[in-house]
C-alpha atoms as a PDB file:
ATOM      1  CA  MET A   1     -64.550  -7.838 -77.042  1.00  0.00           C
ATOM      2  CA  LEU A   2     -61.434  -5.954 -77.176  1.00  0.00           C
ATOM      3  CA  VAL A   3     -60.814  -4.903 -81.225  1.00  0.00           C
ATOM      4  CA  PHE A   4     -56.912  -4.025 -81.846  1.00  0.00           C
ATOM      5  CA  TRP A   5     -56.819  -1.819 -84.762  1.00  0.00           C
ATOM      6  CA  ARG A   6     -54.790  -2.601 -87.535  1.00  0.00           C
ATOM      7  CA  ASP A   7     -55.040  -1.269 -90.989  1.00  0.00           C
ATOM      8  CA  PRO A   8     -53.969   2.064 -92.445  1.00  0.00           C
ATOM      9  CA  LEU A   9     -50.846   1.992 -90.426  1.00  0.00           C
ATOM     10  CA  ASN A  10     -49.555  -0.968 -92.451  1.00  0.00           C
ATOM     11  CA  ARG A  11     -49.514   0.596 -95.702  1.00  0.00           C
ATOM     12  CA  LEU A  12     -46.306   2.593 -94.461  1.00  0.00           C
ATOM     13  CA  THR A  13     -43.547   2.282 -96.676  1.00  0.00           C
ATOM     14  CA  SER A  14     -40.022   1.883 -95.581  1.00  0.00           C
ATOM     15  CA  ASP A  15     -39.439   5.531 -96.123  1.00  0.00           C
ATOM     16  CA  ASP A  16     -41.785   6.524 -93.712  1.00  0.00           C
ATOM     17  CA  LEU A  17     -40.854   4.408 -91.118  1.00  0.00           C
ATOM     18  CA  ALA A  18     -37.241   5.549 -91.468  1.00  0.00           C
ATOM     19  CA  ARG A  19     -38.249   8.951 -91.156  1.00  0.00           C
ATOM     20  CA  GLN A  20     -39.955   8.396 -87.875  1.00  0.00           C
ATOM     21  CA  PRO A  21     -38.135  10.049 -84.880  1.00  0.00           C
ATOM     22  CA  ARG A  22     -36.086   7.508 -82.901  1.00  0.00           C
ATOM     23  CA  TYR A  23     -34.733   6.865 -79.526  1.00  0.00           C
ATOM     24  CA  THR A  24     -31.230   8.135 -79.156  1.00  0.00           C
ATOM     25  CA  ALA A  25     -28.347   5.442 -79.243  1.00  0.00           C
ATOM     26  CA  VAL A  26     -27.599   6.192 -75.414  1.00  0.00           C
ATOM     27  CA  ALA A  27     -31.151   5.516 -74.761  1.00  0.00           C
ATOM     28  CA  ILE A  28     -31.276   2.247 -76.948  1.00  0.00           C
ATOM     29  CA  ALA A  29     -28.551   0.850 -75.163  1.00  0.00           C
ATOM     30  CA  LEU A  30     -29.854   1.497 -71.487  1.00  0.00           C
ATOM     31  CA  HIS A  31     -33.089   0.001 -72.419  1.00  0.00           C
ATOM     32  CA  TRP A  32     -31.733  -3.353 -74.174  1.00  0.00           C
ATOM     33  CA  LEU A  33     -28.902  -3.523 -71.569  1.00  0.00           C
ATOM     34  CA  LEU A  34     -31.356  -3.368 -68.492  1.00  0.00           C
ATOM     35  CA  ALA A  35     -33.637  -5.759 -70.169  1.00  0.00           C
ATOM     36  CA  LEU A  36     -30.818  -8.319 -70.564  1.00  0.00           C
ATOM     37  CA  ALA A  37     -29.875  -7.607 -67.051  1.00  0.00           C
ATOM     38  CA  LEU A  38     -33.191  -8.124 -65.799  1.00  0.00           C
ATOM     39  CA  LEU A  39     -33.883 -11.023 -67.418  1.00  0.00           C
ATOM     40  CA  ALA A  40     -30.764 -13.059 -66.125  1.00  0.00           C
ATOM     41  CA  ILE A  41     -31.146 -11.422 -62.261  1.00  0.00           C
ATOM     42  CA  PHE A  42     -34.391 -12.907 -62.405  1.00  0.00           C
ATOM     43  CA  GLY A  43     -33.600 -16.505 -63.555  1.00  0.00           C
ATOM     44  CA  LEU A  44     -30.649 -16.557 -61.327  1.00  0.00           C
ATOM     45  CA  GLY A  45     -33.036 -15.789 -58.562  1.00  0.00           C
ATOM     46  CA  LEU A  46     -35.215 -18.105 -59.310  1.00  0.00           C
ATOM     47  CA  TYR A  47     -32.537 -20.674 -59.784  1.00  0.00           C
ATOM     48  CA  MET A  48     -31.038 -20.133 -56.566  1.00  0.00           C
ATOM     49  CA  ALA A  49     -33.798 -20.139 -54.682  1.00  0.00           C
ATOM     50  CA  GLU A  50     -34.622 -24.061 -55.278  1.00  0.00           C
ATOM     51  CA  LEU A  51     -30.561 -24.687 -54.320  1.00  0.00           C
ATOM     52  CA  PRO A  52     -30.133 -26.449 -50.648  1.00  0.00           C
ATOM     53  CA  PHE A  53     -27.920 -24.207 -48.373  1.00  0.00           C
ATOM     54  CA  SER A  54     -24.228 -24.490 -49.853  1.00  0.00           C
ATOM     55  CA  PRO A  55     -21.001 -22.351 -50.606  1.00  0.00           C
ATOM     56  CA  VAL A  56     -22.181 -22.351 -54.105  1.00  0.00           C
ATOM     57  CA  ARG A  57     -25.812 -21.062 -52.838  1.00  0.00           C
ATOM     58  CA  LEU A  58     -24.203 -18.655 -51.211  1.00  0.00           C
ATOM     59  CA  LYS A  59     -22.017 -17.425 -54.030  1.00  0.00           C
ATOM     60  CA  LEU A  60     -24.828 -16.936 -56.195  1.00  0.00           C
ATOM     61  CA  TYR A  61     -26.559 -15.051 -53.650  1.00  0.00           C
ATOM     62  CA  ASN A  62     -23.810 -12.786 -53.623  1.00  0.00           C
ATOM     63  CA  TRP A  63     -23.749 -12.298 -57.598  1.00  0.00           C
ATOM     64  CA  HIS A  64     -27.831 -11.565 -57.056  1.00  0.00           C
ATOM     65  CA  LYS A  65     -27.151  -8.681 -54.515  1.00  0.00           C
ATOM     66  CA  TRP A  66     -24.397  -7.332 -56.773  1.00  0.00           C
ATOM     67  CA  ALA A  67     -26.347  -7.310 -59.997  1.00  0.00           C
ATOM     68  CA  GLY A  68     -29.103  -5.780 -57.916  1.00  0.00           C
ATOM     69  CA  VAL A  69     -27.245  -3.074 -57.218  1.00  0.00           C
ATOM     70  CA  SER A  70     -25.665  -2.721 -60.795  1.00  0.00           C
ATOM     71  CA  ILE A  71     -29.325  -2.578 -61.755  1.00  0.00           C
ATOM     72  CA  LEU A  72     -30.151   0.050 -59.456  1.00  0.00           C
ATOM     73  CA  LEU A  73     -27.332   1.793 -60.613  1.00  0.00           C
ATOM     74  CA  LEU A  74     -28.063   1.889 -64.115  1.00  0.00           C
ATOM     75  CA  SER A  75     -31.710   2.544 -63.268  1.00  0.00           C
ATOM     76  CA  VAL A  76     -30.719   5.651 -62.388  1.00  0.00           C
ATOM     77  CA  ALA A  77     -28.555   6.414 -65.005  1.00  0.00           C
ATOM     78  CA  ARG A  78     -31.517   5.522 -67.502  1.00  0.00           C
ATOM     79  CA  LEU A  79     -34.106   7.516 -65.730  1.00  0.00           C
ATOM     80  CA  ALA A  80     -31.533  10.645 -65.837  1.00  0.00           C
ATOM     81  CA  TRP A  81     -31.093   9.932 -69.256  1.00  0.00           C
ATOM     82  CA  ARG A  82     -34.722  10.039 -69.799  1.00  0.00           C
ATOM     83  CA  LEU A  83     -35.592  13.149 -67.627  1.00  0.00           C
ATOM     84  CA  THR A  84     -32.705  15.371 -69.740  1.00  0.00           C
ATOM     85  CA  HIS A  85     -33.480  13.837 -73.052  1.00  0.00           C
ATOM     86  CA  ARG A  86     -37.257  14.090 -74.250  1.00  0.00           C
ATOM     87  CA  PRO A  87     -38.023  10.698 -75.761  1.00  0.00           C
ATOM     88  CA  PRO A  88     -39.792  10.989 -79.392  1.00  0.00           C
ATOM     89  CA  ALA A  89     -43.427  11.387 -78.933  1.00  0.00           C
ATOM     90  CA  LEU A  90     -45.520   8.409 -80.783  1.00  0.00           C
ATOM     91  CA  PRO A  91     -46.209   9.118 -83.944  1.00  0.00           C
ATOM     92  CA  ALA A  92     -49.702  11.186 -84.819  1.00  0.00           C
ATOM     93  CA  ALA A  93     -51.137   8.310 -86.760  1.00  0.00           C
ATOM     94  CA  VAL A  94     -50.482   6.001 -84.061  1.00  0.00           C
ATOM     95  CA  THR A  95     -52.256   8.241 -81.214  1.00  0.00           C
ATOM     96  CA  ARG A  96     -55.446   8.608 -83.571  1.00  0.00           C
ATOM     97  CA  ALA A  97     -55.641   4.824 -84.105  1.00  0.00           C
ATOM     98  CA  MET A  98     -55.165   3.528 -80.716  1.00  0.00           C
ATOM     99  CA  PRO A  99     -58.104   3.397 -78.438  1.00  0.00           C
ATOM    100  CA  GLY A 100     -58.021   5.047 -75.480  1.00  0.00           C
ATOM    101  CA  TRP A 101     -57.466   2.036 -73.122  1.00  0.00           C
ATOM    102  CA  GLN A 102     -54.758   1.168 -74.943  1.00  0.00           C
ATOM    103  CA  MET A 103     -52.709   4.781 -74.672  1.00  0.00           C
ATOM    104  CA  GLN A 104     -53.529   4.451 -70.822  1.00  0.00           C
ATOM    105  CA  ALA A 105     -51.886   1.046 -70.870  1.00  0.00           C
ATOM    106  CA  HIS A 106     -49.027   2.456 -72.653  1.00  0.00           C
ATOM    107  CA  HIS A 107     -48.356   4.985 -70.107  1.00  0.00           C
ATOM    108  CA  ALA A 108     -49.418   3.232 -66.756  1.00  0.00           C
ATOM    109  CA  THR A 109     -47.039   0.229 -68.118  1.00  0.00           C
ATOM    110  CA  HIS A 110     -43.922   2.404 -68.841  1.00  0.00           C
ATOM    111  CA  HIS A 111     -44.651   4.437 -65.200  1.00  0.00           C
ATOM    112  CA  LEU A 112     -45.149   1.229 -63.584  1.00  0.00           C
ATOM    113  CA  MET A 113     -41.776  -0.468 -65.022  1.00  0.00           C
ATOM    114  CA  TYR A 114     -39.957   2.830 -64.023  1.00  0.00           C
ATOM    115  CA  ALA A 115     -41.173   2.510 -60.496  1.00  0.00           C
ATOM    116  CA  LEU A 116     -40.505  -1.351 -60.214  1.00  0.00           C
ATOM    117  CA  PHE A 117     -36.903  -0.764 -61.621  1.00  0.00           C
ATOM    118  CA  PHE A 118     -35.817   0.936 -58.119  1.00  0.00           C
ATOM    119  CA  ILE A 119     -38.545  -0.554 -55.709  1.00  0.00           C
ATOM    120  CA  VAL A 120     -37.218  -4.107 -56.600  1.00  0.00           C
ATOM    121  CA  PRO A 121     -33.512  -3.668 -55.738  1.00  0.00           C
ATOM    122  CA  LEU A 122     -34.018  -1.592 -52.860  1.00  0.00           C
ATOM    123  CA  LEU A 123     -36.018  -4.082 -50.911  1.00  0.00           C
ATOM    124  CA  GLY A 124     -33.683  -6.638 -51.946  1.00  0.00           C
ATOM    125  CA  TRP A 125     -30.999  -4.138 -50.254  1.00  0.00           C
ATOM    126  CA  ALA A 126     -33.262  -3.919 -47.384  1.00  0.00           C
ATOM    127  CA  TYR A 127     -34.373  -7.585 -47.013  1.00  0.00           C
ATOM    128  CA  SER A 128     -29.999  -8.378 -47.356  1.00  0.00           C
ATOM    129  CA  SER A 129     -29.880  -6.097 -44.357  1.00  0.00           C
ATOM    130  CA  ALA A 130     -32.860  -6.684 -42.117  1.00  0.00           C
ATOM    131  CA  ALA A 131     -31.616 -10.453 -42.486  1.00  0.00           C
ATOM    132  CA  GLY A 132     -27.926  -9.291 -41.179  1.00  0.00           C
ATOM    133  CA  PHE A 133     -25.927 -10.119 -44.290  1.00  0.00           C
ATOM    134  CA  PRO A 134     -24.258  -6.620 -45.528  1.00  0.00           C
ATOM    135  CA  ILE A 135     -23.565  -6.203 -49.282  1.00  0.00           C
ATOM    136  CA  VAL A 136     -19.947  -5.999 -50.184  1.00  0.00           C
ATOM    137  CA  LEU A 137     -20.184  -5.120 -53.878  1.00  0.00           C
ATOM    138  CA  PHE A 138     -18.125  -7.369 -55.912  1.00  0.00           C
ATOM    139  CA  GLY A 139     -16.374  -8.721 -52.761  1.00  0.00           C
ATOM    140  CA  GLN A 140     -14.469  -5.485 -52.185  1.00  0.00           C
ATOM    141  CA  ILE A 141     -16.926  -2.274 -51.781  1.00  0.00           C
ATOM    142  CA  PRO A 142     -18.964  -2.531 -48.297  1.00  0.00           C
ATOM    143  CA  LEU A 143     -22.368  -0.855 -48.806  1.00  0.00           C
ATOM    144  CA  PRO A 144     -24.140   0.837 -46.068  1.00  0.00           C
ATOM    145  CA  ASP A 145     -27.149  -1.208 -44.293  1.00  0.00           C
ATOM    146  CA  PHE A 146     -30.490   0.040 -45.757  1.00  0.00           C
ATOM    147  CA  VAL A 147     -31.956  -0.803 -42.992  1.00  0.00           C
ATOM    148  CA  GLY A 148     -31.118  -1.851 -39.396  1.00  0.00           C
ATOM    149  CA  ALA A 149     -30.768  -5.801 -38.812  1.00  0.00           C
ATOM    150  CA  ASP A 150     -34.371  -6.957 -37.686  1.00  0.00           C
ATOM    151  CA  LYS A 151     -35.320 -10.899 -38.501  1.00  0.00           C
ATOM    152  CA  ALA A 152     -39.300  -9.956 -38.359  1.00  0.00           C
ATOM    153  CA  LEU A 153     -38.648  -7.102 -40.594  1.00  0.00           C
ATOM    154  CA  ALA A 154     -36.601  -9.496 -42.811  1.00  0.00           C
ATOM    155  CA  ALA A 155     -39.683 -11.553 -43.009  1.00  0.00           C
ATOM    156  CA  THR A 156     -41.511  -9.261 -44.357  1.00  0.00           C
ATOM    157  CA  ILE A 157     -39.548  -7.542 -46.480  1.00  0.00           C
ATOM    158  CA  LYS A 158     -38.714 -11.001 -48.401  1.00  0.00           C
ATOM    159  CA  PRO A 159     -42.240 -11.550 -49.894  1.00  0.00           C
ATOM    160  CA  LEU A 160     -42.327  -8.144 -50.781  1.00  0.00           C
ATOM    161  CA  HIS A 161     -39.311  -8.446 -52.624  1.00  0.00           C
ATOM    162  CA  GLU A 162     -40.138 -11.494 -54.878  1.00  0.00           C
ATOM    163  CA  LEU A 163     -43.740 -10.276 -55.571  1.00  0.00           C
ATOM    164  CA  SER A 164     -42.548  -7.207 -56.965  1.00  0.00           C
ATOM    165  CA  ALA A 165     -39.712  -8.901 -58.774  1.00  0.00           C
ATOM    166  CA  TRP A 166     -42.775 -10.665 -60.451  1.00  0.00           C
ATOM    167  CA  ALA A 167     -44.555  -7.991 -60.786  1.00  0.00           C
ATOM    168  CA  LEU A 168     -41.877  -6.287 -63.110  1.00  0.00           C
ATOM    169  CA  MET A 169     -41.497  -9.354 -65.160  1.00  0.00           C
ATOM    170  CA  MET A 170     -45.068  -9.663 -66.006  1.00  0.00           C
ATOM    171  CA  LEU A 171     -44.929  -6.038 -66.891  1.00  0.00           C
ATOM    172  CA  ALA A 172     -42.035  -6.636 -69.208  1.00  0.00           C
ATOM    173  CA  ALA A 173     -44.008  -9.573 -70.780  1.00  0.00           C
ATOM    174  CA  LEU A 174     -46.795  -7.221 -71.346  1.00  0.00           C
ATOM    175  CA  HIS A 175     -44.279  -4.798 -72.534  1.00  0.00           C
ATOM    176  CA  VAL A 176     -43.160  -7.259 -74.850  1.00  0.00           C
ATOM    177  CA  ALA A 177     -46.400  -8.449 -76.533  1.00  0.00           C
ATOM    178  CA  ALA A 178     -47.322  -4.876 -76.917  1.00  0.00           C
ATOM    179  CA  ALA A 179     -44.022  -4.209 -79.160  1.00  0.00           C
ATOM    180  CA  LEU A 180     -44.750  -7.476 -80.656  1.00  0.00           C
ATOM    181  CA  LYS A 181     -47.951  -6.664 -81.692  1.00  0.00           C
ATOM    182  CA  HIS A 182     -47.185  -3.036 -83.200  1.00  0.00           C
ATOM    183  CA  GLN A 183     -44.546  -5.094 -85.225  1.00  0.00           C
ATOM    184  CA  TRP A 184     -46.630  -7.949 -86.528  1.00  0.00           C
ATOM    185  CA  LEU A 185     -50.213  -6.714 -86.420  1.00  0.00           C
ATOM    186  CA  ASP A 186     -50.041  -3.316 -86.732  1.00  0.00           C
ATOM    187  CA  ARG A 187     -46.903  -2.894 -88.757  1.00  0.00           C
ATOM    188  CA  ASP A 188     -46.616   0.700 -87.668  1.00  0.00           C
ATOM    189  CA  GLY A 189     -42.783   0.650 -87.130  1.00  0.00           C
ATOM    190  CA  LEU A 190     -42.862   1.459 -83.391  1.00  0.00           C
ATOM    191  CA  LEU A 191     -40.622  -1.257 -82.435  1.00  0.00           C
ATOM    192  CA  LEU A 192     -38.299   0.203 -84.817  1.00  0.00           C
ATOM    193  CA  ARG A 193     -37.752   3.209 -83.229  1.00  0.00           C
ATOM    194  CA  MET A 194     -35.944   1.142 -80.359  1.00  0.00           C
ATOM    195  CA  LEU A 195     -33.639  -1.379 -82.243  1.00  0.00           C
ATOM    196  CA  PRO A 196     -29.641   0.095 -82.961  1.00  0.00           C
ATOM    197  CA  GLN A 197     -30.225   1.638 -86.956  1.00  0.00           C
ATOM    198  CA  ARG A 198     -28.450   0.221 -89.246  1.00  0.00           C
ATOM    199  CA  ALA A 199     -25.641   1.619 -91.253  1.00  0.00           C
END
């Protein structure tokens, strides 16, 4: 049976929570912008996949590809910021109270999510190239083909793109569940570190 830790952290005062180290404003903005973009592109992907072949479907596929390239660039910016700005360490009280498996899950989830931020759009780009449909960003900027046109390769890449997107969404759901657990069960204020600071 999995036992989640609760007390002694739920007695932290508002002053204690306010003194916890926080992410930078840029890190917070990149985090939420990427989160919203991922939800939007995943929903668009599910919707357009069920549409019959039509001009609307072609338009939505282009939007999906443009969004994927934008998310890739946003992921590069987020990773660059993280590498040059050390994120705040988990509060000592949190690390002492967390079971070892939770700490391992915490690190593994973050690393896998960062990897998938790049894997998912790159597989999408590769699929589009292999299928013979170059990406023209915003209808104005032609991007180089990621791979050469190859229908057999496209058929191999397409399910990998879909599976990796689902994996990213499942990890994101796990990430959200963990954040809500810290906020509502553990009451350790961990989620506040990634929320905009009130004036």
